[in-house]
């Protein structure tokens, strides 16, 4: 590997890995903030242009601060003392609404506690599931919200979060696959190329073998697990099956990346081609399975590709052997 190519690959890998953890604290922030496992404070007088999304951390919107967007938090604490022009949503944690807080949109919680001070404003609907409430008052905290704020009881509670949450979740999953593909292609590009070749040369055979494997392998693993002495073998087999499926998926992404670089008349290092192709493949697959109205059939294409990748890995014995292209049928006469 040329030093400059290796250096460029490492730089791109570092950017993909550490981009989610970057934060900013400048006044007049643009395009929102995504915080992973950290604390975030929007100080008084500051304005955040965009949505604030926090995963596994804590966020404080001080009095006099404004979020021109929505606030979404997963597994942490959210303290709103200022203004949020959009919605506020929290899953698995606690939210505090100060006396001068103002949420212009809806307030949605799942498995979270709400502490709401007297004087706080929520213009939209308040929807909560498995939530306990407290309110600040002269007599202390009470275990339930005021009657005017009790949500309507429904058999199934459907909480609609800001679309940004699902989009970010899909995007970062695709990024994770891309990063994994780059790491794999740094060391196993030749093997991945053989797997991709088996998929393109014999797609039906690879898909059939993958489908047969996915049906027979769980049965074999269960049978092995019945015997105590063979439980380690069953665990190894289960891990190997998962690794094979992931390697097949990355091989398909690598093939997509190679074809893309050829289309633009470029020649990239396999790590870059594999990372880009796998990222694109994973993003499209997630979109197909997540589009309303298509999710009932959108899984078919990713499933077939996954089966073909798994079968190709088995055919090539994890890319250690090449597979000859299928012979064309003899011409009649």
Protein backbone atom coordinates (compact mmCIF):
# COMPACT_ATOMS: atom_id res chain seq x y z
CA UNK A 1 0.00 0.00 0.00
CA UNK A 2 1.40 3.38 -0.97
CA UNK A 3 2.05 5.62 2.07
CA UNK A 4 -0.06 8.47 0.72
CA UNK A 5 -3.01 6.16 0.06
CA UNK A 6 -2.74 4.61 3.52
CA UNK A 7 -2.56 8.08 5.06
CA UNK A 8 -5.63 9.26 3.13
CA UNK A 9 -7.54 6.15 4.17
CA UNK A 10 -6.69 6.67 7.83
CA UNK A 11 -7.70 10.33 7.63
CA UNK A 12 -11.09 9.45 6.15
CA UNK A 13 -11.56 6.68 8.71
CA UNK A 14 -10.77 9.05 11.57
CA UNK A 15 -13.20 11.61 10.18
CA UNK A 16 -16.00 9.05 10.03
CA UNK A 17 -15.27 7.73 13.51
CA UNK A 18 -14.88 11.00 15.35
CA UNK A 19 -17.30 13.24 13.45
CA UNK A 20 -20.29 12.30 15.67
CA UNK A 21 -18.47 13.33 18.86
CA UNK A 22 -17.58 16.83 17.76
CA UNK A 23 -19.35 19.68 19.50
CA UNK A 24 -19.40 23.41 19.14
CA UNK A 25 -20.12 26.23 21.51
CA UNK A 26 -19.96 29.26 19.28
CA UNK A 27 -22.70 31.83 19.31
CA UNK A 28 -25.09 31.62 16.39
CA UNK A 29 -24.58 27.88 15.77
CA UNK A 30 -25.85 26.59 12.41
CA UNK A 31 -27.43 23.32 11.29
CA UNK A 32 -28.09 22.01 14.79
CA UNK A 33 -26.02 19.80 17.07
CA UNK A 34 -25.66 16.03 17.50
CA UNK A 35 -24.07 15.07 20.83
CA UNK A 36 -22.91 11.52 21.69
CA UNK A 37 -22.25 10.65 25.36
CA UNK A 38 -21.44 14.21 26.41
CA UNK A 39 -22.98 17.17 28.15
CA UNK A 40 -24.21 20.17 26.22
CA UNK A 41 -25.20 23.62 27.46
CA UNK A 42 -26.80 26.34 25.39
CA UNK A 43 -25.99 29.39 27.44
CA UNK A 44 -28.23 32.37 28.04
CA UNK A 45 -28.26 34.72 25.08
CA UNK A 46 -27.18 32.05 22.58
CA UNK A 47 -29.31 30.80 19.69
CA UNK A 48 -28.97 27.36 18.13
CA UNK A 49 -30.16 27.33 14.53
CA UNK A 50 -31.37 23.76 13.96
CA UNK A 51 -32.22 20.69 15.97
CA UNK A 52 -30.45 19.49 19.11
CA UNK A 53 -30.09 15.69 19.33
CA UNK A 54 -28.36 14.06 22.32
CA UNK A 55 -27.55 10.34 22.63
CA UNK A 56 -26.65 9.11 26.13
CA UNK A 57 -25.80 12.50 27.60
CA UNK A 58 -27.35 15.58 29.12
CA UNK A 59 -28.46 18.89 27.69
CA UNK A 60 -29.31 22.23 29.29
CA UNK A 61 -31.07 25.11 27.55
CA UNK A 62 -30.54 28.01 29.90
CA UNK A 63 -33.00 30.82 30.51
CA UNK A 64 -32.70 33.33 27.68
CA UNK A 65 -31.33 30.71 25.24
CA UNK A 66 -33.28 29.74 22.11
CA UNK A 67 -33.29 26.53 20.08
CA UNK A 68 -34.72 27.31 16.64
CA UNK A 69 -35.70 23.70 16.04
CA UNK A 70 -36.55 20.59 18.03
CA UNK A 71 -34.79 18.91 20.96
CA UNK A 72 -34.48 15.11 21.07
CA UNK A 73 -32.70 13.15 23.80
CA UNK A 74 -32.12 9.41 24.25
CA UNK A 75 -31.18 8.09 27.70
CA UNK A 76 -30.14 11.13 29.69
CA UNK A 77 -31.38 14.35 31.24
CA UNK A 78 -32.88 17.35 29.51
CA UNK A 79 -33.23 20.65 31.35
CA UNK A 80 -35.15 23.33 29.45
CA UNK A 81 -35.15 26.74 31.07
CA UNK A 82 -35.29 28.73 27.84
CA UNK A 83 -37.20 28.51 24.57
CA UNK A 84 -37.60 25.70 22.03
CA UNK A 85 -39.42 26.71 18.86
CA UNK A 86 -40.07 23.12 17.75
CA UNK A 87 -40.88 19.86 19.55
CA UNK A 88 -39.23 18.27 22.58
CA UNK A 89 -38.90 14.48 22.78
CA UNK A 90 -37.07 12.24 25.26
CA UNK A 91 -36.71 8.47 25.54
CA UNK A 92 -35.55 6.84 28.77
CA UNK A 93 -34.45 9.64 31.06
CA UNK A 94 -35.82 12.77 32.66
CA UNK A 95 -36.91 16.18 31.48
CA UNK A 96 -37.20 19.37 33.51
CA UNK A 97 -39.21 22.37 32.36
CA UNK A 98 -38.30 25.53 34.20
CA UNK A 99 -40.69 28.26 35.27
CA UNK A 100 -39.81 30.42 32.25
CA UNK A 101 -39.43 27.61 29.73
CA UNK A 102 -41.46 27.68 26.53
CA UNK A 103 -41.85 24.76 24.11
CA UNK A 104 -43.76 25.90 21.05
CA UNK A 105 -44.37 22.41 19.69
CA UNK A 106 -45.32 19.05 21.17
CA UNK A 107 -43.78 17.35 24.20
CA UNK A 108 -43.32 13.57 23.73
CA UNK A 109 -41.75 11.15 26.21
CA UNK A 110 -41.32 7.39 26.48
CA UNK A 111 -40.15 5.82 29.74
CA UNK A 112 -39.11 9.19 31.11
CA UNK A 113 -39.92 11.36 34.11
CA UNK A 114 -41.21 14.90 33.75
CA UNK A 115 -40.60 17.65 36.27
CA UNK A 116 -42.56 20.70 35.25
CA UNK A 117 -42.42 23.96 37.15
CA UNK A 118 -45.40 26.24 37.49
CA UNK A 119 -45.34 28.81 34.71
CA UNK A 120 -43.76 26.59 32.08
CA UNK A 121 -45.47 26.65 28.66
CA UNK A 122 -46.09 23.84 26.17
CA UNK A 123 -48.13 25.03 23.20
CA UNK A 124 -48.62 21.65 21.55
CA UNK A 125 -49.84 18.28 22.78
CA UNK A 126 -48.22 16.37 25.63
CA UNK A 127 -47.87 12.66 24.87
CA UNK A 128 -46.18 10.27 27.25
CA UNK A 129 -45.88 6.52 27.82
CA UNK A 130 -44.81 4.83 31.08
CA UNK A 131 -44.00 8.24 32.52
CA UNK A 132 -44.12 9.64 36.03
CA UNK A 133 -44.80 13.31 36.67
CA UNK A 134 -43.87 15.85 39.31
CA UNK A 135 -44.81 19.51 39.52
CA UNK A 136 -43.34 22.30 41.60
CA UNK A 137 -45.84 23.92 43.92
CA UNK A 138 -46.48 24.99 47.47
CA UNK A 139 -47.40 21.46 48.58
CA UNK A 140 -44.41 19.80 46.92
CA UNK A 141 -44.34 17.20 44.19
CA UNK A 142 -47.38 15.19 43.17
CA UNK A 143 -47.20 11.78 41.46
CA UNK A 144 -49.52 12.65 38.55
CA UNK A 145 -49.93 15.68 36.26
CA UNK A 146 -52.81 18.11 36.58
CA UNK A 147 -56.06 16.78 35.11
CA UNK A 148 -55.86 19.24 32.24
CA UNK A 149 -52.56 17.68 31.17
CA UNK A 150 -53.50 14.00 31.49
CA UNK A 151 -53.04 12.26 28.12
CA UNK A 152 -55.95 10.42 26.59
CA UNK A 153 -55.81 6.71 27.42
CA UNK A 154 -55.37 4.54 24.34
CA UNK A 155 -54.81 0.81 23.89
CA UNK A 156 -51.69 1.51 21.82
CA UNK A 157 -49.70 4.68 22.37
CA UNK A 158 -48.03 5.93 19.23
CA UNK A 159 -45.44 8.64 19.79
CA UNK A 160 -44.39 10.50 16.68
CA UNK A 161 -40.88 11.84 16.98
CA UNK A 162 -39.19 14.39 14.84
CA UNK A 163 -38.22 12.84 11.47
CA UNK A 164 -34.64 13.92 12.11
CA UNK A 165 -34.25 11.12 14.67
CA UNK A 166 -34.98 8.26 12.29
CA UNK A 167 -32.93 9.89 9.54
CA UNK A 168 -29.93 10.27 11.83
CA UNK A 169 -30.29 6.71 13.09
CA UNK A 170 -30.32 5.37 9.52
CA UNK A 171 -27.40 7.57 8.50
CA UNK A 172 -25.13 6.58 11.39
CA UNK A 173 -25.88 2.90 10.88
CA UNK A 174 -24.74 3.27 7.28
CA UNK A 175 -21.65 5.16 8.45
CA UNK A 176 -20.87 2.31 10.85
CA UNK A 177 -21.05 -0.20 8.01
CA UNK A 178 -18.83 2.03 5.89
CA UNK A 179 -16.20 2.30 8.62
CA UNK A 180 -16.26 -1.46 9.18
CA UNK A 181 -15.88 -2.03 5.44
CA UNK A 182 -12.85 0.26 5.32
CA UNK A 183 -11.18 -1.66 8.14
CA UNK A 184 -11.90 -5.00 6.46
CA UNK A 185 -10.72 -3.83 3.05
CA UNK A 186 -7.41 -2.63 4.48
CA UNK A 187 -6.52 -6.27 5.15
CA UNK A 188 -8.88 -8.51 3.15
CA UNK A 189 -9.39 -6.72 -0.16
CA UNK A 190 -8.27 -9.74 -2.21
CA UNK A 191 -10.65 -12.08 -0.38
CA UNK A 192 -13.52 -9.60 -0.71
CA UNK A 193 -12.82 -9.34 -4.44
CA UNK A 194 -13.16 -13.12 -4.80
CA UNK A 195 -16.46 -13.09 -2.92
CA UNK A 196 -17.74 -10.25 -5.11
CA UNK A 197 -16.63 -12.17 -8.20
CA UNK A 198 -18.61 -15.22 -7.08
CA UNK A 199 -21.72 -13.06 -6.61
CA UNK A 200 -21.48 -11.45 -10.05
CA UNK A 201 -20.58 -14.66 -11.88
CA UNK A 202 -23.02 -17.04 -10.19
CA UNK A 203 -25.70 -14.95 -8.41
CA UNK A 204 -28.40 -17.65 -8.48
CA UNK A 205 -26.13 -20.33 -7.06
CA UNK A 206 -24.80 -17.98 -4.39
CA UNK A 207 -28.31 -16.85 -3.42
CA UNK A 208 -29.62 -20.41 -3.23
CA UNK A 209 -26.70 -21.55 -1.10
CA UNK A 210 -27.15 -18.55 1.18
CA UNK A 211 -30.86 -19.26 1.61
CA UNK A 212 -30.17 -22.93 2.35
CA UNK A 213 -27.55 -21.89 4.92
CA UNK A 214 -29.82 -19.45 6.68
CA UNK A 215 -32.47 -22.17 6.98
CA UNK A 216 -30.23 -25.08 7.99
CA UNK A 217 -27.68 -23.27 10.17
CA UNK A 218 -30.07 -22.28 13.01
CA UNK A 219 -31.39 -25.84 13.18
CA UNK A 220 -27.86 -27.21 13.38
CA UNK A 221 -26.91 -24.69 16.06
CA UNK A 222 -29.93 -25.64 18.18
CA UNK A 223 -29.08 -29.34 17.85
CA UNK A 224 -25.49 -28.68 18.90
CA UNK A 225 -26.67 -26.63 21.88
CA UNK A 226 -28.60 -29.60 23.27
CA UNK A 227 -25.34 -31.30 24.21
CA UNK A 228 -23.46 -29.41 26.89
CA UNK A 229 -20.05 -30.34 25.49
CA UNK A 230 -21.01 -28.95 22.07
CA UNK A 231 -22.32 -25.59 23.29
CA UNK A 232 -18.96 -23.88 22.54
CA UNK A 233 -19.11 -25.32 19.03
CA UNK A 234 -22.63 -23.91 18.61
CA UNK A 235 -21.46 -20.48 19.79
CA UNK A 236 -18.53 -20.53 17.36
CA UNK A 237 -20.86 -21.57 14.55
CA UNK A 238 -23.28 -18.75 15.34
CA UNK A 239 -20.48 -16.18 15.38
CA UNK A 240 -19.04 -17.56 12.14
CA UNK A 241 -22.45 -17.29 10.49
CA UNK A 242 -22.76 -13.65 11.50
CA UNK A 243 -19.23 -12.85 10.36
CA UNK A 244 -19.88 -14.56 7.02
CA UNK A 245 -23.07 -12.57 6.45
CA UNK A 246 -21.30 -9.29 7.31
CA UNK A 247 -18.34 -10.13 5.05
CA UNK A 248 -20.69 -10.96 2.17
CA UNK A 249 -22.50 -7.64 2.64
CA UNK A 250 -19.19 -5.76 2.59
CA UNK A 251 -18.12 -7.65 -0.55
CA UNK A 252 -21.28 -6.47 -2.31
CA UNK A 253 -20.55 -2.92 -1.18
CA UNK A 254 -17.00 -3.25 -2.47
CA UNK A 255 -18.29 -4.30 -5.88
CA UNK A 256 -20.61 -1.28 -5.92
CA UNK A 257 -17.71 1.01 -5.00
CA UNK A 258 -15.46 -0.46 -7.70
CA UNK A 259 -18.14 -0.02 -10.36
CA UNK A 260 -18.72 3.56 -9.23
CA UNK A 261 -15.03 4.44 -9.51
CA UNK A 262 -14.88 2.88 -12.96
CA UNK A 263 -17.92 4.90 -14.01
CA UNK A 264 -16.17 8.16 -13.07
CA UNK A 265 -12.86 6.93 -14.55
CA UNK A 266 -11.06 6.88 -11.22
CA UNK A 267 -9.00 4.29 -9.37
CA UNK A 268 -9.36 4.35 -5.59
CA UNK A 269 -7.81 2.25 -2.90
CA UNK A 270 -10.02 -0.75 -2.00
CA UNK A 271 -10.60 0.69 1.48
CA UNK A 272 -12.15 3.83 0.01
CA UNK A 273 -14.14 1.97 -2.63
CA UNK A 274 -15.39 -0.58 -0.10
CA UNK A 275 -16.29 2.06 2.46
CA UNK A 276 -18.20 4.22 -0.01
CA UNK A 277 -19.97 1.28 -1.62
CA UNK A 278 -20.98 -0.36 1.66
CA UNK A 279 -22.16 2.98 3.06
CA UNK A 280 -24.32 3.54 -0.03
CA UNK A 281 -25.63 -0.02 -0.02
CA UNK A 282 -26.57 0.12 3.67
CA UNK A 283 -28.21 3.54 3.29
CA UNK A 284 -30.33 2.41 0.33
CA UNK A 285 -31.27 -0.85 2.09
CA UNK A 286 -32.39 1.05 5.19
CA UNK A 287 -34.39 3.46 3.03
CA UNK A 288 -36.15 0.61 1.23
CA UNK A 289 -37.19 -1.01 4.50
CA UNK A 290 -38.19 2.28 6.11
CA UNK A 291 -40.26 4.01 3.44
CA UNK A 292 -43.95 3.99 4.49
CA UNK A 293 -45.99 1.86 2.14
CA UNK A 294 -42.92 0.03 0.81
CA UNK A 295 -41.57 -1.51 4.00
CA UNK A 296 -43.73 -4.61 3.47
CA UNK A 297 -41.87 -5.42 0.24
CA UNK A 298 -38.80 -3.20 0.51
CA UNK A 299 -36.96 -5.84 2.56
CA UNK A 300 -36.91 -8.25 -0.40
CA UNK A 301 -33.98 -6.64 -2.23
CA UNK A 302 -31.68 -6.36 0.86
CA UNK A 303 -32.64 -9.91 1.83
CA UNK A 304 -31.76 -11.33 -1.59
CA UNK A 305 -28.48 -9.43 -1.64
CA UNK A 306 -27.65 -10.66 1.85
CA UNK A 307 -28.37 -14.26 0.86
CA UNK A 308 -26.18 -13.92 -2.24
CA UNK A 309 -23.35 -12.45 -0.17
CA UNK A 310 -23.57 -15.20 2.43
CA UNK A 311 -23.66 -17.92 -0.22
CA UNK A 312 -20.67 -16.41 -2.03
CA UNK A 313 -18.64 -16.38 1.18
CA UNK A 314 -19.35 -20.08 1.65
CA UNK A 315 -18.63 -20.87 -2.01
CA UNK A 316 -15.23 -19.15 -1.84
CA UNK A 317 -14.48 -20.36 1.71
CA UNK A 318 -14.28 -16.80 3.02
CA UNK A 319 -12.60 -15.58 -0.15
CA UNK A 320 -9.66 -17.99 -0.02
CA UNK A 321 -10.64 -19.65 -3.30
CA UNK A 322 -11.84 -18.27 -6.61
CA UNK A 323 -15.04 -19.45 -8.27
CA UNK A 324 -15.08 -19.97 -12.02
CA UNK A 325 -17.84 -18.20 -13.93
CA UNK A 326 -20.83 -20.34 -14.82
CA UNK A 327 -20.47 -21.91 -18.28
CA UNK A 328 -22.95 -20.48 -20.82
CA UNK A 329 -25.47 -22.96 -22.26
CA UNK A 330 -24.56 -24.50 -25.61
CA UNK A 331 -26.10 -22.75 -28.57
CA UNK A 332 -28.85 -24.75 -30.23
CA UNK A 333 -28.03 -26.37 -33.60
